[in-house]
Amino acid sequence: MNRQQLKGESHQILSQHFGFFFMLFIPYFILRWIASFTSSRSVILEPNYNYPFSYDYHALTASYIFIFIAVLFTLSAFFNLLDVWRNQSDFENGFGKSFNILNSQRVFWGSIGIMIVTFILVFLWSCLLFIPGIIKSFSYSQAIYIYRDAAKNGKPIGIMDAITKSRKLMDGYKVDYFVLQLSFIGWWLLSFITLGLAAIYVTPYYYLTMSNYYIKLLNK
């Protein structure tokens, strides 16, 4: 898998249609900002030196809910990116298309189910050793996209079937996937330094690259 080609193609299409991708990720950006703000409000400073701070668990819970909803919007955006790469979608109405995950109950609930099941599986592997947990997270990384593609093509599959197909698809490519993830560390650091401002560009760039990776992996 040519990492530079993947990122170069993603950079090119992002530069040409930045406005569309910005609007596609707007709900995600808003929800992440709300989650960060709510999380910051969950820490309460106390005058007691033995216990300098406490937590507002209602605010903390709310921040986790906002993060979870934001993840759903990233999935919706990712599904749209797949359609863009396949010339099955245009570059109009990015904000409206960010809600496309709600168009199919099967895909919506199936995506949530896969996130829960893969989280449990990775957690159980991590209980053995940390490294096996990371490896398994790579193995299951394409399951949601496989599940969505199968549903869209009129040949729906089960959650465990999607996870199994992902594991087989990633066989021999986990190192490539890991290196591709590492190649974005500098970009995420830039986002941190700019207090999230650079994320407006980095986020769609990252997901365009990952969706491009998935499509090329399928064609191997």
N, C-alpha and C. Protein backbone atom coordinates (compact mmCIF):
# COMPACT_ATOMS: atom_id res chain seq x y z
N MET A 1 0.85 -1.19 0.00
CA MET A 1 0.00 0.00 0.00
C MET A 1 0.89 1.25 0.00
N ASN A 2 0.75 2.10 -1.02
CA ASN A 2 1.58 3.28 -1.14
C ASN A 2 1.02 4.41 -0.28
N ARG A 3 1.65 4.64 0.86
CA ARG A 3 1.15 5.61 1.82
C ARG A 3 1.14 7.03 1.25
N GLN A 4 2.21 7.40 0.56
CA GLN A 4 2.30 8.75 -0.01
C GLN A 4 1.22 8.98 -1.07
N GLN A 5 0.92 7.94 -1.84
CA GLN A 5 -0.12 8.07 -2.86
C GLN A 5 -1.49 8.27 -2.20
N LEU A 6 -1.76 7.49 -1.16
CA LEU A 6 -3.03 7.61 -0.45
C LEU A 6 -3.22 9.04 0.07
N LYS A 7 -2.19 9.57 0.70
CA LYS A 7 -2.30 10.89 1.30
C LYS A 7 -2.30 11.98 0.23
N GLY A 8 -1.55 11.75 -0.85
CA GLY A 8 -1.52 12.73 -1.93
C GLY A 8 -2.88 12.86 -2.61
N GLU A 9 -3.52 11.74 -2.89
CA GLU A 9 -4.85 11.76 -3.51
C GLU A 9 -5.87 12.43 -2.58
N SER A 10 -5.76 12.16 -1.29
CA SER A 10 -6.67 12.75 -0.31
C SER A 10 -6.46 14.26 -0.22
N HIS A 11 -5.20 14.68 -0.20
CA HIS A 11 -4.88 16.11 -0.14
C HIS A 11 -5.43 16.84 -1.37
N GLN A 12 -5.32 16.21 -2.52
CA GLN A 12 -5.77 16.84 -3.76
C GLN A 12 -7.28 17.06 -3.77
N ILE A 13 -8.03 16.02 -3.42
CA ILE A 13 -9.49 16.14 -3.46
C ILE A 13 -9.98 17.07 -2.35
N LEU A 14 -9.29 17.11 -1.22
CA LEU A 14 -9.67 18.01 -0.14
C LEU A 14 -9.43 19.46 -0.55
N SER A 15 -8.32 19.72 -1.20
CA SER A 15 -8.00 21.08 -1.65
C SER A 15 -9.01 21.58 -2.67
N GLN A 16 -9.49 20.68 -3.51
CA GLN A 16 -10.43 21.06 -4.56
C GLN A 16 -11.84 21.30 -4.04
N HIS A 17 -12.21 20.63 -2.96
CA HIS A 17 -13.60 20.70 -2.46
C HIS A 17 -13.62 20.91 -0.96
N PHE A 18 -12.76 21.79 -0.47
CA PHE A 18 -12.64 21.97 0.98
C PHE A 18 -13.96 22.39 1.62
N GLY A 19 -14.71 23.30 0.95
CA GLY A 19 -15.97 23.78 1.50
C GLY A 19 -16.95 22.65 1.77
N PHE A 20 -17.03 21.72 0.83
CA PHE A 20 -17.94 20.57 1.00
C PHE A 20 -17.53 19.74 2.21
N PHE A 21 -16.24 19.43 2.32
CA PHE A 21 -15.78 18.57 3.42
C PHE A 21 -15.88 19.28 4.77
N PHE A 22 -15.68 20.60 4.76
CA PHE A 22 -15.83 21.36 5.99
C PHE A 22 -17.27 21.26 6.50
N MET A 23 -18.24 21.45 5.60
CA MET A 23 -19.64 21.37 5.99
C MET A 23 -20.03 19.94 6.38
N LEU A 24 -19.42 18.96 5.74
CA LEU A 24 -19.70 17.56 6.06
C LEU A 24 -19.32 17.23 7.51
N PHE A 25 -18.25 17.85 7.98
CA PHE A 25 -17.76 17.58 9.33
C PHE A 25 -18.20 18.61 10.37
N ILE A 26 -19.01 19.60 9.97
CA ILE A 26 -19.46 20.63 10.90
C ILE A 26 -20.16 20.04 12.14
N PRO A 27 -21.12 19.11 11.99
CA PRO A 27 -21.75 18.56 13.20
C PRO A 27 -20.75 17.91 14.15
N TYR A 28 -19.76 17.22 13.57
CA TYR A 28 -18.72 16.59 14.40
C TYR A 28 -17.93 17.65 15.17
N PHE A 29 -17.52 18.73 14.48
CA PHE A 29 -16.74 19.78 15.14
C PHE A 29 -17.55 20.41 16.28
N ILE A 30 -18.81 20.69 16.02
CA ILE A 30 -19.66 21.32 17.03
C ILE A 30 -19.82 20.42 18.25
N LEU A 31 -20.09 19.15 18.00
CA LEU A 31 -20.29 18.21 19.11
C LEU A 31 -19.01 18.00 19.91
N ARG A 32 -17.87 17.95 19.25
CA ARG A 32 -16.61 17.80 19.98
C ARG A 32 -16.32 19.03 20.83
N TRP A 33 -16.67 20.21 20.30
CA TRP A 33 -16.47 21.43 21.09
C TRP A 33 -17.38 21.42 22.31
N ILE A 34 -18.63 21.04 22.12
CA ILE A 34 -19.56 20.96 23.25
C ILE A 34 -19.07 19.94 24.27
N ALA A 35 -18.59 18.79 23.79
CA ALA A 35 -18.08 17.75 24.68
C ALA A 35 -16.89 18.27 25.49
N SER A 36 -15.98 18.99 24.83
CA SER A 36 -14.81 19.53 25.53
C SER A 36 -15.22 20.57 26.56
N PHE A 37 -16.15 21.42 26.18
CA PHE A 37 -16.62 22.46 27.11
C PHE A 37 -17.31 21.82 28.32
N THR A 38 -18.16 20.84 28.05
CA THR A 38 -18.88 20.16 29.14
C THR A 38 -17.92 19.42 30.05
N SER A 39 -16.91 18.78 29.45
CA SER A 39 -15.92 18.07 30.25
C SER A 39 -15.14 19.02 31.15
N SER A 40 -14.79 20.19 30.63
CA SER A 40 -14.05 21.17 31.45
C SER A 40 -14.88 21.67 32.61
N ARG A 41 -16.20 21.71 32.43
CA ARG A 41 -17.08 22.15 33.51
C ARG A 41 -17.32 21.07 34.55
N SER A 42 -16.89 19.85 34.25
CA SER A 42 -17.13 18.75 35.18
C SER A 42 -16.13 18.74 36.34
N VAL A 43 -15.03 19.48 36.19
CA VAL A 43 -14.01 19.55 37.25
C VAL A 43 -14.30 20.76 38.13
N ILE A 44 -14.49 20.52 39.41
CA ILE A 44 -14.82 21.58 40.36
C ILE A 44 -13.67 21.73 41.36
N LEU A 45 -13.10 22.93 41.41
CA LEU A 45 -12.01 23.19 42.35
C LEU A 45 -12.57 23.33 43.76
N GLU A 46 -11.89 22.72 44.71
CA GLU A 46 -12.33 22.72 46.11
C GLU A 46 -11.30 23.45 46.97
N PRO A 47 -11.75 24.15 48.00
CA PRO A 47 -10.80 24.85 48.90
C PRO A 47 -10.07 23.90 49.84
N ASN A 48 -10.52 22.65 49.89
CA ASN A 48 -9.91 21.66 50.79
C ASN A 48 -8.61 21.17 50.17
N TYR A 49 -7.48 21.34 50.89
CA TYR A 49 -6.19 20.96 50.35
C TYR A 49 -6.03 19.44 50.21
N ASN A 50 -6.74 18.70 51.03
CA ASN A 50 -6.67 17.24 50.93
C ASN A 50 -7.38 16.73 49.67
N TYR A 51 -8.41 17.46 49.26
CA TYR A 51 -9.15 17.10 48.04
C TYR A 51 -9.30 18.37 47.20
N PRO A 52 -8.28 18.69 46.40
CA PRO A 52 -8.26 19.98 45.68
C PRO A 52 -9.35 20.12 44.61
N PHE A 53 -9.91 19.01 44.16
CA PHE A 53 -10.98 19.13 43.17
C PHE A 53 -11.91 17.93 43.27
N SER A 54 -13.10 18.12 42.74
CA SER A 54 -14.10 17.06 42.67
C SER A 54 -14.72 17.07 41.28
N TYR A 55 -15.62 16.13 41.02
CA TYR A 55 -16.20 16.01 39.69
C TYR A 55 -17.71 16.19 39.73
N ASP A 56 -18.20 16.87 38.72
CA ASP A 56 -19.64 16.93 38.48
C ASP A 56 -19.93 15.78 37.51
N TYR A 57 -20.42 14.67 38.03
CA TYR A 57 -20.57 13.47 37.20
C TYR A 57 -21.69 13.61 36.17
N HIS A 58 -22.63 14.50 36.41
CA HIS A 58 -23.66 14.75 35.41
C HIS A 58 -23.03 15.40 34.16
N ALA A 59 -22.16 16.38 34.39
CA ALA A 59 -21.48 17.05 33.28
C ALA A 59 -20.54 16.08 32.57
N LEU A 60 -19.86 15.24 33.37
CA LEU A 60 -18.93 14.27 32.79
C LEU A 60 -19.67 13.27 31.91
N THR A 61 -20.82 12.80 32.40
CA THR A 61 -21.64 11.86 31.62
C THR A 61 -22.14 12.52 30.33
N ALA A 62 -22.54 13.77 30.45
CA ALA A 62 -23.03 14.50 29.27
C ALA A 62 -21.93 14.63 28.22
N SER A 63 -20.68 14.86 28.67
CA SER A 63 -19.58 14.99 27.72
C SER A 63 -19.33 13.69 26.98
N TYR A 64 -19.47 12.55 27.67
CA TYR A 64 -19.30 11.25 27.03
C TYR A 64 -20.40 11.01 26.00
N ILE A 65 -21.61 11.45 26.32
CA ILE A 65 -22.73 11.29 25.38
C ILE A 65 -22.48 12.11 24.11
N PHE A 66 -22.00 13.34 24.29
CA PHE A 66 -21.70 14.19 23.13
C PHE A 66 -20.58 13.57 22.28
N ILE A 67 -19.58 12.99 22.93
CA ILE A 67 -18.49 12.35 22.19
C ILE A 67 -19.02 11.16 21.38
N PHE A 68 -19.89 10.38 21.99
CA PHE A 68 -20.46 9.22 21.31
C PHE A 68 -21.27 9.65 20.08
N ILE A 69 -22.07 10.69 20.23
CA ILE A 69 -22.84 11.19 19.09
C ILE A 69 -21.91 11.73 18.02
N ALA A 70 -20.82 12.39 18.44
CA ALA A 70 -19.85 12.90 17.48
C ALA A 70 -19.23 11.77 16.68
N VAL A 71 -18.96 10.64 17.33
CA VAL A 71 -18.41 9.47 16.64
C VAL A 71 -19.38 8.98 15.56
N LEU A 72 -20.67 9.00 15.86
CA LEU A 72 -21.67 8.59 14.87
C LEU A 72 -21.63 9.51 13.65
N PHE A 73 -21.41 10.81 13.89
CA PHE A 73 -21.32 11.74 12.77
C PHE A 73 -20.04 11.52 11.96
N THR A 74 -18.96 11.09 12.62
CA THR A 74 -17.75 10.78 11.84
C THR A 74 -17.99 9.56 10.96
N LEU A 75 -18.76 8.60 11.47
CA LEU A 75 -19.10 7.44 10.64
C LEU A 75 -19.94 7.86 9.44
N SER A 76 -20.91 8.73 9.67
CA SER A 76 -21.74 9.21 8.58
C SER A 76 -20.89 9.92 7.53
N ALA A 77 -19.94 10.74 8.01
CA ALA A 77 -19.03 11.43 7.09
C ALA A 77 -18.17 10.41 6.34
N PHE A 78 -17.68 9.41 7.06
CA PHE A 78 -16.82 8.39 6.44
C PHE A 78 -17.58 7.66 5.33
N PHE A 79 -18.83 7.32 5.59
CA PHE A 79 -19.64 6.64 4.58
C PHE A 79 -19.80 7.52 3.34
N ASN A 80 -19.97 8.82 3.56
CA ASN A 80 -20.06 9.75 2.43
C ASN A 80 -18.75 9.83 1.67
N LEU A 81 -17.64 9.75 2.40
CA LEU A 81 -16.33 9.79 1.74
C LEU A 81 -16.14 8.57 0.84
N LEU A 82 -16.63 7.42 1.29
CA LEU A 82 -16.56 6.23 0.45
C LEU A 82 -17.32 6.45 -0.85
N ASP A 83 -18.49 7.07 -0.74
CA ASP A 83 -19.29 7.34 -1.94
C ASP A 83 -18.59 8.34 -2.86
N VAL A 84 -17.90 9.30 -2.26
CA VAL A 84 -17.17 10.29 -3.05
C VAL A 84 -16.06 9.61 -3.85
N TRP A 85 -15.28 8.76 -3.19
CA TRP A 85 -14.19 8.06 -3.87
C TRP A 85 -14.72 7.17 -4.99
N ARG A 86 -15.90 6.64 -4.81
CA ARG A 86 -16.49 5.72 -5.80
C ARG A 86 -17.33 6.44 -6.84
N ASN A 87 -17.30 7.77 -6.81
CA ASN A 87 -18.09 8.59 -7.74
C ASN A 87 -19.58 8.30 -7.63
N GLN A 88 -20.03 7.99 -6.42
CA GLN A 88 -21.45 7.73 -6.17
C GLN A 88 -22.11 8.89 -5.43
N SER A 89 -21.37 9.98 -5.26
CA SER A 89 -21.90 11.16 -4.59
C SER A 89 -21.23 12.39 -5.17
N ASP A 90 -21.95 13.53 -5.13
CA ASP A 90 -21.36 14.78 -5.62
C ASP A 90 -20.84 15.59 -4.43
N PHE A 91 -20.46 16.83 -4.71
CA PHE A 91 -19.89 17.69 -3.68
C PHE A 91 -20.85 18.81 -3.30
N GLU A 92 -22.11 18.46 -3.23
CA GLU A 92 -23.15 19.41 -2.86
C GLU A 92 -23.77 19.03 -1.52
N ASN A 93 -24.24 20.05 -0.79
CA ASN A 93 -24.99 19.86 0.45
C ASN A 93 -24.23 18.99 1.46
N GLY A 94 -23.02 19.40 1.78
CA GLY A 94 -22.21 18.65 2.73
C GLY A 94 -22.86 18.53 4.10
N PHE A 95 -23.48 19.62 4.57
CA PHE A 95 -24.11 19.58 5.90
C PHE A 95 -25.25 18.58 5.93
N GLY A 96 -26.09 18.57 4.90
CA GLY A 96 -27.21 17.64 4.84
C GLY A 96 -26.74 16.20 4.79
N LYS A 97 -25.66 15.95 4.07
CA LYS A 97 -25.15 14.59 3.93
C LYS A 97 -24.49 14.08 5.21
N SER A 98 -24.17 14.98 6.12
CA SER A 98 -23.57 14.54 7.38
C SER A 98 -24.56 13.75 8.23
N PHE A 99 -25.85 13.82 7.88
CA PHE A 99 -26.89 13.10 8.63
C PHE A 99 -27.32 11.80 7.93
N ASN A 100 -26.61 11.41 6.88
CA ASN A 100 -27.03 10.26 6.08
C ASN A 100 -27.08 8.94 6.84
N ILE A 101 -26.32 8.84 7.94
CA ILE A 101 -26.33 7.60 8.71
C ILE A 101 -27.72 7.31 9.28
N LEU A 102 -28.54 8.36 9.39
CA LEU A 102 -29.90 8.20 9.92
C LEU A 102 -30.86 7.65 8.86
N ASN A 103 -30.41 7.56 7.61
CA ASN A 103 -31.30 7.10 6.54
C ASN A 103 -31.57 5.60 6.59
N SER A 104 -30.71 4.86 7.22
CA SER A 104 -30.86 3.40 7.30
C SER A 104 -30.78 2.96 8.75
N GLN A 105 -31.89 2.45 9.29
CA GLN A 105 -31.86 1.95 10.66
C GLN A 105 -30.90 0.78 10.81
N ARG A 106 -30.82 -0.06 9.79
CA ARG A 106 -29.92 -1.21 9.85
C ARG A 106 -28.47 -0.75 10.02
N VAL A 107 -28.06 0.23 9.20
CA VAL A 107 -26.69 0.72 9.27
C VAL A 107 -26.45 1.46 10.59
N PHE A 108 -27.43 2.26 11.00
CA PHE A 108 -27.29 3.03 12.23
C PHE A 108 -27.10 2.12 13.45
N TRP A 109 -28.03 1.20 13.65
CA TRP A 109 -27.95 0.33 14.82
C TRP A 109 -26.83 -0.70 14.68
N GLY A 110 -26.58 -1.14 13.44
CA GLY A 110 -25.48 -2.08 13.22
C GLY A 110 -24.14 -1.46 13.53
N SER A 111 -23.97 -0.18 13.18
CA SER A 111 -22.72 0.52 13.48
C SER A 111 -22.50 0.62 14.98
N ILE A 112 -23.57 0.95 15.71
CA ILE A 112 -23.47 1.01 17.17
C ILE A 112 -23.13 -0.37 17.73
N GLY A 113 -23.79 -1.40 17.19
CA GLY A 113 -23.52 -2.76 17.65
C GLY A 113 -22.08 -3.18 17.42
N ILE A 114 -21.53 -2.83 16.26
CA ILE A 114 -20.15 -3.19 15.95
C ILE A 114 -19.19 -2.45 16.88
N MET A 115 -19.46 -1.18 17.15
CA MET A 115 -18.60 -0.42 18.06
C MET A 115 -18.58 -1.06 19.45
N ILE A 116 -19.75 -1.49 19.91
CA ILE A 116 -19.83 -2.10 21.24
C ILE A 116 -19.11 -3.44 21.27
N VAL A 117 -19.36 -4.28 20.26
CA VAL A 117 -18.76 -5.62 20.23
C VAL A 117 -17.25 -5.52 20.07
N THR A 118 -16.77 -4.67 19.17
CA THR A 118 -15.32 -4.56 18.98
C THR A 118 -14.65 -3.97 20.22
N PHE A 119 -15.33 -3.05 20.89
CA PHE A 119 -14.77 -2.50 22.13
C PHE A 119 -14.59 -3.62 23.17
N ILE A 120 -15.60 -4.46 23.29
CA ILE A 120 -15.53 -5.56 24.26
C ILE A 120 -14.41 -6.53 23.89
N LEU A 121 -14.33 -6.88 22.60
CA LEU A 121 -13.31 -7.83 22.16
C LEU A 121 -11.90 -7.27 22.37
N VAL A 122 -11.70 -6.01 22.00
CA VAL A 122 -10.38 -5.38 22.18
C VAL A 122 -10.04 -5.28 23.66
N PHE A 123 -11.03 -4.94 24.47
CA PHE A 123 -10.81 -4.85 25.92
C PHE A 123 -10.39 -6.20 26.49
N LEU A 124 -11.05 -7.26 26.06
CA LEU A 124 -10.71 -8.59 26.57
C LEU A 124 -9.31 -9.00 26.14
N TRP A 125 -8.95 -8.70 24.89
CA TRP A 125 -7.59 -9.00 24.43
C TRP A 125 -6.57 -8.16 25.20
N SER A 126 -6.93 -6.92 25.51
CA SER A 126 -6.01 -6.05 26.24
C SER A 126 -5.80 -6.51 27.67
N CYS A 127 -6.79 -7.23 28.20
CA CYS A 127 -6.65 -7.77 29.56
C CYS A 127 -5.53 -8.81 29.62
N LEU A 128 -5.27 -9.45 28.47
CA LEU A 128 -4.17 -10.42 28.42
C LEU A 128 -2.83 -9.68 28.37
N LEU A 129 -2.69 -8.87 27.34
CA LEU A 129 -1.52 -8.02 27.18
C LEU A 129 -1.92 -6.81 26.35
N PHE A 130 -1.21 -5.69 26.51
CA PHE A 130 -1.57 -4.46 25.82
C PHE A 130 -1.40 -4.58 24.31
N ILE A 131 -0.29 -5.17 23.87
CA ILE A 131 0.01 -5.27 22.44
C ILE A 131 -1.05 -6.08 21.68
N PRO A 132 -1.46 -7.27 22.16
CA PRO A 132 -2.52 -8.00 21.45
C PRO A 132 -3.79 -7.19 21.28
N GLY A 133 -4.11 -6.35 22.26
CA GLY A 133 -5.28 -5.50 22.16
C GLY A 133 -5.17 -4.52 21.01
N ILE A 134 -3.98 -3.92 20.85
CA ILE A 134 -3.75 -2.98 19.74
C ILE A 134 -3.86 -3.70 18.41
N ILE A 135 -3.24 -4.89 18.32
CA ILE A 135 -3.27 -5.66 17.07
C ILE A 135 -4.70 -6.00 16.69
N LYS A 136 -5.50 -6.42 17.66
CA LYS A 136 -6.89 -6.77 17.38
C LYS A 136 -7.70 -5.55 16.98
N SER A 137 -7.39 -4.39 17.54
CA SER A 137 -8.10 -3.18 17.14
C SER A 137 -7.86 -2.88 15.66
N PHE A 138 -6.64 -3.17 15.18
CA PHE A 138 -6.35 -3.02 13.76
C PHE A 138 -7.13 -4.04 12.94
N SER A 139 -7.19 -5.27 13.46
CA SER A 139 -7.90 -6.34 12.74
C SER A 139 -9.37 -6.01 12.54
N TYR A 140 -9.98 -5.38 13.53
CA TYR A 140 -11.42 -5.09 13.48
C TYR A 140 -11.73 -3.71 12.91
N SER A 141 -10.72 -2.97 12.50
CA SER A 141 -10.88 -1.56 12.14
C SER A 141 -11.79 -1.32 10.94
N GLN A 142 -11.94 -2.29 10.06
CA GLN A 142 -12.73 -2.09 8.84
C GLN A 142 -14.13 -2.68 8.93
N ALA A 143 -14.49 -3.21 10.09
CA ALA A 143 -15.75 -3.96 10.22
C ALA A 143 -16.97 -3.11 9.93
N ILE A 144 -17.00 -1.89 10.44
CA ILE A 144 -18.18 -1.03 10.24
C ILE A 144 -18.36 -0.71 8.77
N TYR A 145 -17.26 -0.46 8.06
CA TYR A 145 -17.36 -0.09 6.66
C TYR A 145 -17.80 -1.29 5.81
N ILE A 146 -17.32 -2.47 6.17
CA ILE A 146 -17.75 -3.69 5.49
C ILE A 146 -19.24 -3.91 5.72
N TYR A 147 -19.68 -3.70 6.95
CA TYR A 147 -21.09 -3.87 7.30
C TYR A 147 -21.96 -2.91 6.50
N ARG A 148 -21.53 -1.66 6.42
CA ARG A 148 -22.30 -0.65 5.70
C ARG A 148 -22.34 -0.95 4.20
N ASP A 149 -21.22 -1.35 3.63
CA ASP A 149 -21.18 -1.67 2.21
C ASP A 149 -22.12 -2.83 1.88
N ALA A 150 -22.12 -3.84 2.74
CA ALA A 150 -22.98 -5.01 2.51
C ALA A 150 -24.45 -4.59 2.56
N ALA A 151 -24.82 -3.76 3.52
CA ALA A 151 -26.20 -3.29 3.64
C ALA A 151 -26.59 -2.43 2.44
N LYS A 152 -25.68 -1.56 2.01
CA LYS A 152 -25.98 -0.68 0.88
C LYS A 152 -26.15 -1.45 -0.41
N ASN A 153 -25.41 -2.53 -0.54
CA ASN A 153 -25.47 -3.34 -1.76
C ASN A 153 -26.62 -4.36 -1.73
N GLY A 154 -27.44 -4.29 -0.71
CA GLY A 154 -28.58 -5.19 -0.63
C GLY A 154 -28.26 -6.61 -0.20
N LYS A 155 -27.06 -6.79 0.40
CA LYS A 155 -26.66 -8.10 0.88
C LYS A 155 -26.18 -7.98 2.33
N PRO A 156 -27.11 -7.61 3.23
CA PRO A 156 -26.72 -7.36 4.63
C PRO A 156 -26.11 -8.58 5.30
N ILE A 157 -25.17 -8.32 6.19
CA ILE A 157 -24.51 -9.38 6.95
C ILE A 157 -24.63 -9.06 8.43
N GLY A 158 -24.29 -10.02 9.28
CA GLY A 158 -24.35 -9.83 10.71
C GLY A 158 -23.12 -9.12 11.24
N ILE A 159 -23.21 -8.70 12.47
CA ILE A 159 -22.11 -7.98 13.12
C ILE A 159 -20.84 -8.84 13.19
N MET A 160 -20.98 -10.07 13.63
CA MET A 160 -19.81 -10.94 13.75
C MET A 160 -19.24 -11.29 12.39
N ASP A 161 -20.11 -11.38 11.37
CA ASP A 161 -19.62 -11.64 10.01
C ASP A 161 -18.76 -10.48 9.53
N ALA A 162 -19.20 -9.25 9.82
CA ALA A 162 -18.43 -8.07 9.42
C ALA A 162 -17.09 -8.04 10.13
N ILE A 163 -17.08 -8.39 11.40
CA ILE A 163 -15.83 -8.41 12.17
C ILE A 163 -14.88 -9.48 11.63
N THR A 164 -15.43 -10.64 11.29
CA THR A 164 -14.61 -11.72 10.72
C THR A 164 -14.03 -11.31 9.38
N LYS A 165 -14.85 -10.67 8.53
CA LYS A 165 -14.38 -10.22 7.22
C LYS A 165 -13.29 -9.15 7.37
N SER A 166 -13.44 -8.28 8.36
CA SER A 166 -12.43 -7.27 8.61
C SER A 166 -11.12 -7.91 9.03
N ARG A 167 -11.20 -8.89 9.90
CA ARG A 167 -10.00 -9.59 10.36
C ARG A 167 -9.26 -10.23 9.19
N LYS A 168 -10.02 -10.84 8.28
CA LYS A 168 -9.40 -11.48 7.11
C LYS A 168 -8.84 -10.43 6.15
N LEU A 169 -9.59 -9.32 5.99
CA LEU A 169 -9.15 -8.27 5.08
C LEU A 169 -7.84 -7.64 5.54
N MET A 170 -7.68 -7.51 6.85
CA MET A 170 -6.49 -6.86 7.40
C MET A 170 -5.32 -7.82 7.58
N ASP A 171 -5.52 -9.06 7.28
CA ASP A 171 -4.44 -10.05 7.40
C ASP A 171 -3.28 -9.66 6.48
N GLY A 172 -2.14 -9.39 7.06
CA GLY A 172 -0.97 -8.99 6.29
C GLY A 172 -0.84 -7.49 6.07
N TYR A 173 -1.82 -6.71 6.55
CA TYR A 173 -1.79 -5.26 6.32
C TYR A 173 -1.83 -4.45 7.61
N LYS A 174 -1.78 -5.12 8.73
CA LYS A 174 -1.87 -4.40 10.01
C LYS A 174 -0.67 -3.47 10.23
N VAL A 175 0.51 -3.88 9.80
CA VAL A 175 1.69 -3.02 9.96
C VAL A 175 1.55 -1.78 9.09
N ASP A 176 1.09 -1.97 7.85
CA ASP A 176 0.88 -0.84 6.96
C ASP A 176 -0.13 0.14 7.56
N TYR A 177 -1.19 -0.40 8.14
CA TYR A 177 -2.22 0.43 8.75
C TYR A 177 -1.65 1.19 9.95
N PHE A 178 -0.83 0.52 10.73
CA PHE A 178 -0.21 1.15 11.90
C PHE A 178 0.70 2.30 11.48
N VAL A 179 1.51 2.07 10.45
CA VAL A 179 2.42 3.12 9.96
C VAL A 179 1.63 4.29 9.39
N LEU A 180 0.53 3.99 8.70
CA LEU A 180 -0.32 5.05 8.16
C LEU A 180 -0.88 5.91 9.29
N GLN A 181 -1.30 5.26 10.37
CA GLN A 181 -1.80 6.01 11.53
C GLN A 181 -0.70 6.88 12.12
N LEU A 182 0.50 6.33 12.24
CA LEU A 182 1.62 7.08 12.81
C LEU A 182 1.97 8.31 11.97
N SER A 183 1.74 8.22 10.67
CA SER A 183 2.11 9.32 9.78
C SER A 183 1.27 10.58 10.03
N PHE A 184 0.20 10.45 10.81
CA PHE A 184 -0.65 11.61 11.11
C PHE A 184 -0.34 12.23 12.47
N ILE A 185 0.64 11.68 13.18
CA ILE A 185 0.94 12.21 14.51
C ILE A 185 1.31 13.70 14.44
N GLY A 186 2.12 14.06 13.45
CA GLY A 186 2.51 15.46 13.29
C GLY A 186 1.31 16.36 13.04
N TRP A 187 0.37 15.87 12.26
CA TRP A 187 -0.84 16.65 11.96
C TRP A 187 -1.69 16.84 13.21
N TRP A 188 -1.85 15.78 14.00
CA TRP A 188 -2.65 15.90 15.22
C TRP A 188 -1.94 16.79 16.24
N LEU A 189 -0.61 16.76 16.25
CA LEU A 189 0.15 17.65 17.13
C LEU A 189 -0.09 19.10 16.72
N LEU A 190 -0.13 19.35 15.42
CA LEU A 190 -0.42 20.69 14.92
C LEU A 190 -1.81 21.14 15.37
N SER A 191 -2.77 20.24 15.34
CA SER A 191 -4.12 20.56 15.80
C SER A 191 -4.11 20.93 17.28
N PHE A 192 -3.31 20.20 18.06
CA PHE A 192 -3.22 20.48 19.50
C PHE A 192 -2.59 21.85 19.74
N ILE A 193 -1.52 22.15 19.03
CA ILE A 193 -0.80 23.41 19.20
C ILE A 193 -1.69 24.60 18.83
N THR A 194 -2.50 24.43 17.80
CA THR A 194 -3.38 25.51 17.34
C THR A 194 -4.72 25.51 18.06
N LEU A 195 -4.82 24.76 19.17
CA LEU A 195 -6.04 24.69 19.97
C LEU A 195 -7.24 24.20 19.15
N GLY A 196 -6.95 23.27 18.26
CA GLY A 196 -8.02 22.65 17.48
C GLY A 196 -8.32 23.32 16.16
N LEU A 197 -7.73 24.47 15.90
CA LEU A 197 -8.03 25.20 14.66
C LEU A 197 -7.62 24.39 13.43
N ALA A 198 -6.42 23.79 13.48
CA ALA A 198 -5.93 23.02 12.35
C ALA A 198 -6.76 21.77 12.10
N ALA A 199 -7.53 21.34 13.10
CA ALA A 199 -8.37 20.14 12.95
C ALA A 199 -9.42 20.32 11.86
N ILE A 200 -9.75 21.57 11.55
CA ILE A 200 -10.71 21.84 10.48
C ILE A 200 -10.21 21.25 9.17
N TYR A 201 -8.89 21.27 8.98
CA TYR A 201 -8.29 20.66 7.79
C TYR A 201 -7.86 19.22 8.04
N VAL A 202 -7.25 18.98 9.19
CA VAL A 202 -6.66 17.67 9.47
C VAL A 202 -7.72 16.57 9.53
N THR A 203 -8.87 16.85 10.14
CA THR A 203 -9.90 15.82 10.32
C THR A 203 -10.40 15.26 8.99
N PRO A 204 -10.88 16.10 8.06
CA PRO A 204 -11.29 15.53 6.77
C PRO A 204 -10.14 14.90 6.00
N TYR A 205 -8.94 15.46 6.14
CA TYR A 205 -7.76 14.90 5.47
C TYR A 205 -7.50 13.49 5.98
N TYR A 206 -7.58 13.31 7.30
CA TYR A 206 -7.35 11.99 7.90
C TYR A 206 -8.40 10.99 7.42
N TYR A 207 -9.65 11.35 7.49
CA TYR A 207 -10.71 10.40 7.13
C TYR A 207 -10.78 10.15 5.62
N LEU A 208 -10.41 11.13 4.83
CA LEU A 208 -10.30 10.87 3.38
C LEU A 208 -9.22 9.83 3.11
N THR A 209 -8.11 9.95 3.81
CA THR A 209 -7.02 8.99 3.64
C THR A 209 -7.44 7.59 4.08
N MET A 210 -8.12 7.50 5.22
CA MET A 210 -8.54 6.19 5.74
C MET A 210 -9.61 5.54 4.86
N SER A 211 -10.51 6.34 4.31
CA SER A 211 -11.51 5.79 3.41
C SER A 211 -10.87 5.35 2.10
N ASN A 212 -9.89 6.11 1.64
CA ASN A 212 -9.14 5.72 0.44
C ASN A 212 -8.38 4.42 0.69
N TYR A 213 -7.83 4.29 1.90
CA TYR A 213 -7.12 3.06 2.28
C TYR A 213 -8.06 1.86 2.23
N TYR A 214 -9.25 2.01 2.78
CA TYR A 214 -10.22 0.91 2.80
C TYR A 214 -10.58 0.47 1.40
N ILE A 215 -10.84 1.43 0.51
CA ILE A 215 -11.24 1.08 -0.86
C ILE A 215 -10.11 0.36 -1.59
N LYS A 216 -8.89 0.85 -1.42
CA LYS A 216 -7.76 0.21 -2.09
C LYS A 216 -7.48 -1.17 -1.49
N LEU A 217 -7.73 -1.30 -0.20
CA LEU A 217 -7.56 -2.61 0.45
C LEU A 217 -8.54 -3.62 -0.12
N LEU A 218 -9.76 -3.19 -0.38
CA LEU A 218 -10.76 -4.09 -0.97
C LEU A 218 -10.34 -4.55 -2.36
N ASN A 219 -9.62 -3.69 -3.06
CA ASN A 219 -9.24 -4.01 -4.45
C ASN A 219 -7.95 -4.81 -4.55
N LYS A 220 -7.34 -5.12 -3.40
CA LYS A 220 -6.10 -5.90 -3.41
C LYS A 220 -6.39 -7.34 -3.87
